[in-house]
Amino acid sequence: MSRPLSILQVSPSDTGGGAERSALTLCEMYRQMGHESWLAVGAKSDDSAHVFEVPNDGSRNAWVRWWSESLARHDAGAKKVRGAGRAMRALRDLGQLHRVVRGELGIDDFDYPATRDLLQLPPSPPDVVHVHNLHGGYFDLRELATLSHQVPTILSLHDAWLASGHCAFSLDCERWTIGCGQCPDLSLYPAVKRDATAHNHRVKRDIMRKSRLCVTTPSQWLMDRIERSLVAPAIHESRVIPNGIDTTVFSPGDRDAARATLGIPGNARVLLTVARDIATNPWKDFATLRATVAKVTQEALLLVIGDDRPPEQIGRVQVKYIAFEHDPQALVRYYRAADIYVHAAKVESFGNVMLEARACATPVVATSTGGIPEHVRGLAWPGAPQDQHSFEPAEATGVLTPVADSDAMAAAIDLLLRTPDLRAQLGDTGMHDVRSRFSLQLQATRFLDWYRELCPESRKP
């Protein structure tokens, strides 16, 4: 019998997109499974007792602390004095000019002093530290080497920021393999003002050479990139562990009831896509999505969750935009109400939203990029990507299309809209596939087994 583990995870926030939600749900699952589980975040939004905010502002000099507290009071108040917030930020920054200068030069800011005290945040020393995205303005990357030699440290990479001079994903650029510099797009998230990417790359490389990390990615596609990158010298062990979702929450339900709750006509053909700030997100392919919609030959309603914009009519499809939804229970209603989930992307390390849709028995039409083909078994049909293995309807869990191919994506949508039996079959097969291979409990069990291998003392009762 093994004793319960004490696990500290580290993430930018306790709310947000797929990476942040993955860390939070793992934290909650570990507690349900009887372990001491804690989550340290850069920005905390709820009052959970097992989530700690990394107190960087409280660890700075007195001037910065005073003006940061004044800003917080101002932001929480009525903000009646125009320009007061801007003036307060300028006064605060007088006490941290070194950070301002680095930001203007495009140099990564690692000045987050509370990072060195991460192990003191939980009430008991953690057996293992599991860090997720380290960008987002809260973590001193220079502390990673010390941390990884103090306690077994697992690094979950949800994107490739750690492998580059500034961006989370480089799209077609391969300069991250040779040291960056001469960056072709400084605006890619996280954006920088000037090209210090070669300097940033060198600093990260030196940190990795001093670190000893157990690296995990949700897809083999991302692991292959990481093993070619500056992170490679730090890798003590590596494993591909796919993301999981809570299938007790994301599950099939009454479509008509979901539509009635959302005010959607029962006889409408409903398409759905979920992506934060989809119109400006460089990793998603909003242009292809719009071009696809314009070519759909049947009347339909497209719900776009993640961008609060006025509705529009594109061809025969009415497009309704809805602000990003953090509540999983609310998201479930949209998945259940939809006939097809549509996902157009230029790059995708995994794509949790497709697991969520499939768990609700909603068939998926998606571009075949990044890690998507590793968990969506694409249907054999005329528009299938030529470089991917395709499956017969009894085994397929979705329809894959070539990247940026709006003709193929529109044809896939039309195919599923006019063949409800195929749509139902893909939905049912996809739902069972998620339950058997991508449940949150299975993901948590895989990590717990790894934690125990790294912490032999944890096997003692």
Protein backbone atom coordinates (compact mmCIF):
# COMPACT_ATOMS: atom_id res chain seq x y z
CA MET A 1 0.00 0.00 0.00
CA SER A 2 1.37 3.42 -0.98
CA ARG A 3 1.01 6.47 1.19
CA PRO A 4 -0.78 9.56 -0.19
CA LEU A 5 1.45 11.96 -2.09
CA SER A 6 1.89 15.68 -1.56
CA ILE A 7 1.80 17.31 -5.01
CA LEU A 8 2.42 20.96 -5.88
CA GLN A 9 1.47 22.10 -9.37
CA VAL A 10 2.42 25.47 -10.83
CA SER A 11 0.43 27.32 -13.51
CA PRO A 12 -0.15 30.90 -14.70
CA SER A 13 -3.79 31.00 -13.54
CA ASP A 14 -6.63 28.97 -12.07
CA THR A 15 -8.88 30.01 -14.96
CA GLY A 16 -8.21 30.30 -18.66
CA GLY A 17 -7.69 28.09 -21.65
CA GLY A 18 -6.81 24.42 -22.01
CA ALA A 19 -3.44 24.46 -20.21
CA GLU A 20 -4.73 26.31 -17.15
CA ARG A 21 -7.87 24.21 -16.97
CA SER A 22 -5.80 21.03 -17.26
CA ALA A 23 -3.67 21.96 -14.22
CA LEU A 24 -6.71 22.90 -12.13
CA THR A 25 -8.70 19.77 -12.96
CA LEU A 26 -5.67 17.56 -12.22
CA CYS A 27 -5.29 19.30 -8.86
CA GLU A 28 -8.93 18.59 -8.01
CA MET A 29 -8.73 14.98 -9.23
CA TYR A 30 -5.66 14.25 -7.10
CA ARG A 31 -7.57 15.46 -4.03
CA GLN A 32 -10.53 13.25 -4.93
CA MET A 33 -8.12 10.31 -5.17
CA GLY A 34 -6.88 10.92 -1.61
CA HIS A 35 -3.69 12.92 -2.13
CA GLU A 36 -2.55 16.29 -0.81
CA SER A 37 -2.76 18.45 -3.90
CA TRP A 38 -1.96 22.14 -4.24
CA LEU A 39 -1.87 24.62 -7.11
CA ALA A 40 0.37 27.71 -7.15
CA VAL A 41 -0.70 30.30 -9.73
CA GLY A 42 0.40 33.69 -10.94
CA ALA A 43 -3.19 35.03 -10.81
CA LYS A 44 -5.87 33.56 -8.55
CA SER A 45 -9.54 34.27 -9.26
CA ASP A 46 -11.46 32.05 -6.83
CA ASP A 47 -11.29 31.43 -3.08
CA SER A 48 -10.22 27.78 -3.15
CA ALA A 49 -8.14 26.92 -0.10
CA HIS A 50 -5.81 24.63 -2.06
CA VAL A 51 -4.93 27.26 -4.67
CA PHE A 52 -2.17 29.74 -3.75
CA GLU A 53 -1.20 32.91 -5.56
CA VAL A 54 2.56 33.29 -5.97
CA PRO A 55 3.09 36.57 -4.05
CA ASN A 56 5.51 38.30 -6.40
CA ASP A 57 4.23 41.85 -5.79
CA GLY A 58 4.51 41.32 -2.04
CA SER A 59 8.15 40.29 -2.47
CA ARG A 60 9.26 43.46 -4.28
CA ASN A 61 10.67 46.67 -2.81
CA ALA A 62 8.51 48.93 -0.62
CA TRP A 63 7.90 51.52 -3.35
CA VAL A 64 6.61 48.95 -5.84
CA ARG A 65 4.50 47.24 -3.15
CA TRP A 66 2.84 50.52 -2.09
CA TRP A 67 1.92 51.56 -5.63
CA SER A 68 0.79 48.03 -6.55
CA GLU A 69 -1.59 48.05 -3.58
CA SER A 70 -2.85 51.52 -4.58
CA LEU A 71 -3.46 50.27 -8.13
CA ALA A 72 -5.40 47.28 -6.81
CA ARG A 73 -7.62 49.56 -4.71
CA HIS A 74 -8.11 51.87 -7.69
CA ASP A 75 -9.02 49.01 -10.03
CA ALA A 76 -11.50 47.65 -7.49
CA GLY A 77 -13.12 51.08 -7.04
CA ALA A 78 -15.17 53.31 -9.28
CA LYS A 79 -12.18 54.59 -11.33
CA LYS A 80 -13.66 58.09 -11.34
CA VAL A 81 -10.39 59.93 -11.94
CA ARG A 82 -9.49 59.70 -15.60
CA GLY A 83 -5.88 58.68 -16.20
CA ALA A 84 -5.25 57.86 -12.53
CA GLY A 85 -4.49 54.21 -13.23
CA ARG A 86 -1.98 55.11 -15.93
CA ALA A 87 -0.26 57.59 -13.59
CA MET A 88 -0.11 55.01 -10.78
CA ARG A 89 1.47 52.45 -13.08
CA ALA A 90 4.09 54.98 -14.15
CA LEU A 91 4.90 55.80 -10.52
CA ARG A 92 5.07 52.12 -9.63
CA ASP A 93 7.47 51.47 -12.51
CA LEU A 94 9.89 54.10 -11.17
CA GLY A 95 10.79 51.50 -8.58
CA GLN A 96 11.49 48.78 -11.15
CA LEU A 97 13.09 50.61 -14.05
CA HIS A 98 15.29 47.61 -14.81
CA ARG A 99 12.19 45.60 -15.71
CA VAL A 100 10.79 48.43 -17.84
CA VAL A 101 14.07 48.74 -19.76
CA ARG A 102 14.25 44.98 -20.37
CA GLY A 103 10.68 45.01 -21.65
CA GLU A 104 11.48 47.84 -24.08
CA LEU A 105 14.49 45.88 -25.34
CA GLY A 106 12.50 42.67 -25.84
CA ILE A 107 14.40 40.77 -23.13
CA ASP A 108 12.44 38.11 -21.23
CA ASP A 109 11.47 39.30 -17.74
CA PHE A 110 12.31 36.68 -15.11
CA ASP A 111 12.16 39.06 -12.14
CA TYR A 112 9.53 37.24 -10.07
CA PRO A 113 11.12 37.00 -6.62
CA ALA A 114 8.53 34.80 -4.92
CA THR A 115 9.49 31.87 -7.17
CA ARG A 116 12.34 30.96 -4.83
CA ASP A 117 9.81 30.31 -2.04
CA LEU A 118 7.45 28.05 -4.03
CA LEU A 119 8.15 25.02 -1.83
CA GLN A 120 7.03 26.98 1.25
CA LEU A 121 3.56 27.78 -0.14
CA PRO A 122 1.80 24.48 0.69
CA PRO A 123 1.39 23.50 4.38
CA SER A 124 3.64 20.44 3.96
CA PRO A 125 6.73 19.88 1.78
CA PRO A 126 5.72 18.48 -1.61
CA ASP A 127 6.97 15.09 -2.77
CA VAL A 128 6.92 16.30 -6.35
CA VAL A 129 6.53 19.62 -8.18
CA HIS A 130 4.65 19.61 -11.47
CA VAL A 131 5.06 22.85 -13.43
CA HIS A 132 2.93 23.77 -16.44
CA ASN A 133 3.27 26.89 -18.63
CA LEU A 134 6.03 29.09 -17.21
CA HIS A 135 5.29 32.14 -19.34
CA GLY A 136 2.54 34.55 -18.35
CA GLY A 137 4.47 36.91 -16.09
CA TYR A 138 4.78 35.09 -12.77
CA PHE A 139 7.73 32.64 -12.75
CA ASP A 140 11.50 33.24 -12.51
CA LEU A 141 12.87 30.71 -14.97
CA ARG A 142 16.33 31.01 -13.42
CA GLU A 143 15.01 29.22 -10.31
CA LEU A 144 14.09 26.13 -12.33
CA ALA A 145 17.58 24.62 -12.05
CA THR A 146 17.63 24.94 -8.24
CA LEU A 147 14.06 23.68 -7.92
CA SER A 148 14.70 20.63 -10.10
CA HIS A 149 17.65 19.58 -7.91
CA GLN A 150 15.69 20.04 -4.68
CA VAL A 151 12.64 17.95 -5.52
CA PRO A 152 11.56 15.76 -8.47
CA THR A 153 10.22 18.23 -11.02
CA ILE A 154 7.90 17.40 -13.90
CA LEU A 155 7.58 19.97 -16.67
CA SER A 156 4.37 19.78 -18.70
CA LEU A 157 4.86 21.60 -21.99
CA HIS A 158 1.59 22.73 -23.56
CA ASP A 159 3.35 24.89 -26.16
CA ALA A 160 6.90 25.58 -27.35
CA TRP A 161 7.67 28.92 -25.62
CA LEU A 162 10.45 27.37 -23.56
CA ALA A 163 12.12 26.19 -26.78
CA SER A 164 12.22 29.59 -28.51
CA GLY A 165 13.44 33.15 -28.15
CA HIS A 166 9.97 34.54 -27.50
CA CYS A 167 6.95 32.88 -29.11
CA ALA A 168 4.68 30.05 -27.95
CA PHE A 169 4.57 28.59 -31.45
CA SER A 170 6.66 29.68 -34.41
CA LEU A 171 4.30 28.54 -37.20
CA ASP A 172 6.58 28.05 -40.23
CA CYS A 173 9.77 29.53 -38.70
CA GLU A 174 12.52 27.06 -37.76
CA ARG A 175 14.99 29.56 -36.31
CA TRP A 176 14.36 28.18 -32.80
CA THR A 177 16.46 25.15 -33.86
CA ILE A 178 19.57 27.29 -34.49
CA GLY A 179 19.32 29.95 -31.76
CA CYS A 180 16.65 32.38 -32.98
CA GLY A 181 17.58 35.97 -33.88
CA GLN A 182 16.26 37.88 -36.89
CA CYS A 183 12.75 36.99 -35.72
CA PRO A 184 10.21 37.14 -38.56
CA ASP A 185 7.26 37.99 -36.28
CA LEU A 186 7.73 39.72 -32.93
CA SER A 187 3.96 40.07 -32.54
CA LEU A 188 3.37 36.35 -31.94
CA TYR A 189 2.30 35.66 -28.35
CA PRO A 190 3.93 36.50 -26.05
CA ALA A 191 4.81 39.55 -28.11
CA VAL A 192 8.03 41.53 -27.63
CA LYS A 193 8.89 45.07 -28.70
CA ARG A 194 12.38 44.47 -30.09
CA ASP A 195 14.33 41.50 -31.38
CA ALA A 196 16.30 40.13 -28.42
CA THR A 197 15.29 36.59 -29.34
CA ALA A 198 18.87 35.36 -29.76
CA HIS A 199 19.71 36.65 -26.26
CA ASN A 200 16.56 35.08 -24.79
CA HIS A 201 17.37 31.79 -26.49
CA ARG A 202 20.89 31.75 -24.99
CA VAL A 203 19.60 32.50 -21.48
CA LYS A 204 17.03 29.71 -21.66
CA ARG A 205 19.61 27.31 -23.08
CA ASP A 206 22.00 28.01 -20.17
CA ILE A 207 19.18 27.46 -17.65
CA MET A 208 18.24 24.16 -19.27
CA ARG A 209 21.83 22.92 -19.16
CA LYS A 210 21.77 23.32 -15.37
CA SER A 211 18.35 21.73 -14.88
CA ARG A 212 17.23 18.12 -14.41
CA LEU A 213 13.63 17.77 -15.56
CA CYS A 214 11.08 15.09 -16.30
CA VAL A 215 9.41 16.46 -19.41
CA THR A 216 5.94 15.55 -20.59
CA THR A 217 3.84 16.68 -23.54
CA PRO A 218 0.27 15.79 -24.52
CA SER A 219 1.30 14.75 -28.04
CA GLN A 220 4.23 13.06 -29.75
CA TRP A 221 4.21 15.92 -32.26
CA LEU A 222 5.13 18.40 -29.54
CA MET A 223 7.62 16.03 -27.90
CA ASP A 224 9.46 15.69 -31.20
CA ARG A 225 9.85 19.47 -31.35
CA ILE A 226 11.02 19.70 -27.74
CA GLU A 227 13.63 16.98 -28.21
CA ARG A 228 15.08 19.01 -31.10
CA SER A 229 15.22 22.18 -29.02
CA LEU A 230 17.29 23.87 -26.33
CA VAL A 231 15.25 21.98 -23.69
CA ALA A 232 16.86 18.65 -24.65
CA PRO A 233 19.90 18.88 -22.28
CA ALA A 234 17.55 19.23 -19.29
CA ILE A 235 15.53 16.10 -20.04
CA HIS A 236 16.17 13.42 -17.42
CA GLU A 237 13.06 11.46 -18.43
CA SER A 238 10.32 12.11 -20.96
CA ARG A 239 6.82 10.75 -21.49
CA VAL A 240 3.92 11.59 -23.76
CA ILE A 241 0.82 11.67 -21.54
CA PRO A 242 -2.32 12.83 -23.37
CA ASN A 243 -4.62 15.34 -21.73
CA GLY A 244 -7.76 14.07 -20.07
CA ILE A 245 -11.16 15.56 -19.37
CA ASP A 246 -13.80 14.94 -16.72
CA THR A 247 -16.22 12.60 -18.46
CA THR A 248 -18.66 12.90 -15.56
CA VAL A 249 -19.14 16.53 -16.61
CA PHE A 250 -18.62 16.29 -20.37
CA SER A 251 -21.13 13.64 -21.36
CA PRO A 252 -24.05 13.17 -23.77
CA GLY A 253 -27.40 14.70 -22.87
CA ASP A 254 -30.77 15.82 -24.17
CA ARG A 255 -30.11 17.94 -27.27
CA ASP A 256 -33.57 19.49 -27.30
CA ALA A 257 -33.33 20.45 -23.62
CA ALA A 258 -29.91 22.04 -24.19
CA ARG A 259 -31.24 24.02 -27.15
CA ALA A 260 -34.30 25.14 -25.22
CA THR A 261 -32.07 26.43 -22.39
CA LEU A 262 -29.84 28.30 -24.87
CA GLY A 263 -32.73 29.66 -26.95
CA ILE A 264 -31.75 27.74 -30.09
CA PRO A 265 -34.52 26.48 -32.43
CA GLY A 266 -34.96 22.73 -32.17
CA ASN A 267 -34.82 22.21 -35.96
CA ALA A 268 -31.71 24.34 -36.58
CA ARG A 269 -28.50 22.86 -37.98
CA VAL A 270 -25.98 23.97 -35.37
CA LEU A 271 -22.20 24.24 -35.79
CA LEU A 272 -19.95 25.12 -32.86
CA THR A 273 -16.38 26.25 -32.32
CA VAL A 274 -14.65 27.25 -29.07
CA ALA A 275 -11.46 29.33 -28.97
CA ARG A 276 -10.51 32.35 -26.89
CA ASP A 277 -10.18 35.51 -29.05
CA ILE A 278 -10.46 33.39 -32.16
CA ALA A 279 -10.37 36.34 -34.58
CA THR A 280 -6.96 37.50 -33.34
CA ASN A 281 -5.50 34.22 -32.09
CA PRO A 282 -2.58 33.46 -34.45
CA TRP A 283 -2.70 29.71 -33.77
CA LYS A 284 -6.35 29.36 -34.81
CA ASP A 285 -7.35 29.82 -38.42
CA PHE A 286 -10.24 32.28 -38.38
CA ALA A 287 -9.76 33.11 -42.07
CA THR A 288 -10.24 29.47 -43.06
CA LEU A 289 -13.23 29.14 -40.73
CA ARG A 290 -14.94 32.12 -42.37
CA ALA A 291 -14.11 30.87 -45.86
CA THR A 292 -15.47 27.45 -44.91
CA VAL A 293 -18.73 28.88 -43.63
CA ALA A 294 -19.20 30.82 -46.86
CA LYS A 295 -19.03 27.54 -48.82
CA VAL A 296 -21.43 25.48 -46.70
CA THR A 297 -24.39 24.73 -48.94
CA GLN A 298 -27.04 24.28 -46.24
CA GLU A 299 -28.59 26.81 -43.92
CA ALA A 300 -27.02 26.61 -40.48
CA LEU A 301 -26.21 28.48 -37.28
CA LEU A 302 -22.56 28.76 -36.22
CA LEU A 303 -21.91 29.49 -32.54
CA VAL A 304 -18.43 30.92 -31.89
CA ILE A 305 -17.57 30.84 -28.18
CA GLY A 306 -14.59 32.96 -27.24
CA ASP A 307 -15.10 36.26 -29.05
CA ASP A 308 -17.73 38.87 -28.18
CA ARG A 309 -18.54 40.42 -31.57
CA PRO A 310 -21.75 41.44 -33.38
CA PRO A 311 -23.54 38.60 -35.22
CA GLU A 312 -23.15 38.32 -38.98
CA GLN A 313 -24.47 36.39 -41.96
CA ILE A 314 -21.89 34.54 -44.05
CA GLY A 315 -23.41 32.83 -47.07
CA ARG A 316 -26.16 30.59 -45.82
CA VAL A 317 -24.83 30.48 -42.26
CA GLN A 318 -25.81 32.82 -39.44
CA VAL A 319 -22.82 33.39 -37.15
CA LYS A 320 -23.38 34.26 -33.50
CA TYR A 321 -20.43 35.23 -31.29
CA ILE A 322 -20.46 34.50 -27.56
CA ALA A 323 -17.98 35.63 -24.89
CA PHE A 324 -15.55 33.00 -23.61
CA GLU A 325 -17.22 30.63 -21.17
CA HIS A 326 -15.22 29.42 -18.16
CA ASP A 327 -17.97 27.29 -16.60
CA PRO A 328 -17.73 23.66 -17.79
CA GLN A 329 -21.41 23.06 -17.05
CA ALA A 330 -22.35 25.92 -19.36
CA LEU A 331 -19.99 24.66 -22.08
CA VAL A 332 -21.58 21.21 -21.91
CA ARG A 333 -24.93 22.68 -22.95
CA TYR A 334 -23.37 24.13 -26.11
CA TYR A 335 -21.65 20.85 -27.00
CA ARG A 336 -24.90 18.95 -26.52
CA ALA A 337 -26.85 21.48 -28.58
CA ALA A 338 -24.46 21.30 -31.55
CA ASP A 339 -24.71 18.95 -34.52
CA ILE A 340 -21.02 19.35 -35.43
CA TYR A 341 -17.99 20.77 -33.66
CA VAL A 342 -15.70 22.62 -36.14
CA HIS A 343 -12.04 23.30 -35.37
CA ALA A 344 -9.84 25.23 -37.82
CA ALA A 345 -6.24 25.70 -36.63
CA LYS A 346 -2.81 26.48 -38.03
CA VAL A 347 -1.09 24.71 -35.13
CA GLU A 348 -2.43 22.80 -32.14
CA SER A 349 -0.38 20.90 -29.58
CA PHE A 350 -3.39 18.76 -28.64
CA GLY A 351 -6.83 20.42 -28.55
CA ASN A 352 -8.81 19.70 -25.37
CA VAL A 353 -11.99 21.23 -26.80
CA MET A 354 -12.23 18.37 -29.28
CA LEU A 355 -12.15 15.88 -26.39
CA GLU A 356 -14.91 17.84 -24.68
CA ALA A 357 -17.08 17.87 -27.81
CA ARG A 358 -16.54 14.19 -28.52
CA ALA A 359 -17.26 13.26 -24.88
CA CYS A 360 -20.69 14.87 -25.42
CA ALA A 361 -21.16 12.66 -28.54
CA THR A 362 -20.76 15.64 -30.89
CA PRO A 363 -18.80 14.69 -34.04
CA VAL A 364 -15.73 16.74 -34.91
CA VAL A 365 -14.53 18.29 -38.17
CA ALA A 366 -10.96 19.56 -37.69
CA THR A 367 -7.80 20.46 -39.57
CA SER A 368 -5.12 17.79 -39.41
CA THR A 369 -2.34 19.70 -37.68
CA GLY A 370 -0.04 19.25 -34.69
CA GLY A 371 -1.30 16.72 -32.17
CA ILE A 372 -4.89 16.56 -33.44
CA PRO A 373 -4.44 13.40 -35.58
CA GLU A 374 -3.04 11.61 -32.52
CA HIS A 375 -6.42 11.64 -30.80
CA VAL A 376 -8.94 12.14 -33.65
CA ARG A 377 -9.09 9.11 -35.94
CA GLY A 378 -10.02 10.67 -39.25
CA LEU A 379 -12.74 9.23 -41.46
CA ALA A 380 -11.81 7.74 -44.83
CA TRP A 381 -13.48 10.11 -47.28
CA PRO A 382 -12.44 11.88 -50.53
CA GLY A 383 -11.23 15.03 -48.76
CA ALA A 384 -9.07 13.28 -46.14
CA PRO A 385 -5.43 14.46 -45.84
CA GLN A 386 -3.21 12.28 -48.02
CA ASP A 387 -0.44 12.06 -45.40
CA GLN A 388 -2.71 10.68 -42.64
CA HIS A 389 -4.06 7.18 -42.08
CA SER A 390 -7.85 7.14 -42.47
CA PHE A 391 -10.44 4.91 -40.81
CA GLU A 392 -13.72 3.34 -41.80
CA PRO A 393 -16.89 4.77 -40.16
CA ALA A 394 -16.99 2.07 -37.46
CA GLU A 395 -13.54 3.14 -36.19
CA ALA A 396 -13.35 6.85 -37.09
CA THR A 397 -13.91 9.43 -34.35
CA GLY A 398 -14.08 12.55 -36.54
CA VAL A 399 -13.39 14.04 -39.95
CA LEU A 400 -9.96 15.54 -40.65
CA THR A 401 -9.17 18.01 -43.44
CA PRO A 402 -5.90 19.49 -44.75
CA VAL A 403 -4.70 22.69 -43.10
CA ALA A 404 -6.19 25.90 -44.57
CA ASP A 405 -8.39 23.92 -46.98
CA SER A 406 -11.79 25.62 -46.73
CA ASP A 407 -13.18 23.59 -49.64
CA ALA A 408 -12.49 20.30 -47.85
CA MET A 409 -13.77 21.58 -44.50
CA ALA A 410 -17.02 22.86 -46.05
CA ALA A 411 -17.47 19.54 -47.88
CA ALA A 412 -16.95 17.64 -44.60
CA ILE A 413 -19.58 19.77 -42.85
CA ASP A 414 -22.05 19.28 -45.71
CA LEU A 415 -21.37 15.53 -45.65
CA LEU A 416 -22.26 15.25 -41.97
CA LEU A 417 -25.25 17.60 -42.18
CA ARG A 418 -26.88 15.53 -44.92
CA THR A 419 -26.05 12.11 -43.41
CA PRO A 420 -27.42 12.05 -39.85
CA ASP A 421 -26.65 8.33 -39.46
CA LEU A 422 -22.94 8.92 -40.11
CA ARG A 423 -23.03 11.93 -37.80
CA ALA A 424 -24.54 9.82 -35.01
CA GLN A 425 -22.07 7.00 -35.58
CA LEU A 426 -19.04 9.30 -35.41
CA GLY A 427 -20.48 10.96 -32.30
CA ASP A 428 -21.04 7.65 -30.54
CA THR A 429 -17.64 6.21 -31.47
CA GLY A 430 -15.92 9.44 -30.49
CA MET A 431 -17.64 9.50 -27.11
CA HIS A 432 -16.56 5.92 -26.27
CA ASP A 433 -13.01 6.67 -27.46
CA VAL A 434 -12.70 9.62 -25.08
CA ARG A 435 -14.04 7.58 -22.17
CA SER A 436 -11.60 4.74 -22.80
CA ARG A 437 -8.44 6.72 -23.65
CA PHE A 438 -8.74 10.32 -22.49
CA SER A 439 -10.54 10.50 -19.15
CA LEU A 440 -9.21 12.81 -16.46
CA GLN A 441 -8.90 9.89 -14.05
CA LEU A 442 -6.72 7.99 -16.52
CA GLN A 443 -4.49 11.02 -17.04
CA ALA A 444 -4.17 11.52 -13.27
CA THR A 445 -3.35 7.83 -12.74
CA ARG A 446 -0.60 7.99 -15.37
CA PHE A 447 0.98 10.97 -13.64
CA LEU A 448 0.61 9.45 -10.16
CA ASP A 449 2.39 6.29 -11.31
CA TRP A 450 5.21 8.46 -12.64
CA TYR A 451 5.37 10.52 -9.44
CA ARG A 452 5.82 7.32 -7.39
CA GLU A 453 8.62 6.14 -9.66
CA LEU A 454 10.38 9.44 -9.08
CA CYS A 455 9.75 9.38 -5.30
CA PRO A 456 10.63 5.88 -4.01
CA GLU A 457 9.81 6.93 -0.43
CA SER A 458 6.20 7.49 -1.49
CA ARG A 459 5.72 3.73 -1.89
CA LYS A 460 6.07 3.19 1.87
CA PRO A 461 2.74 3.03 3.77
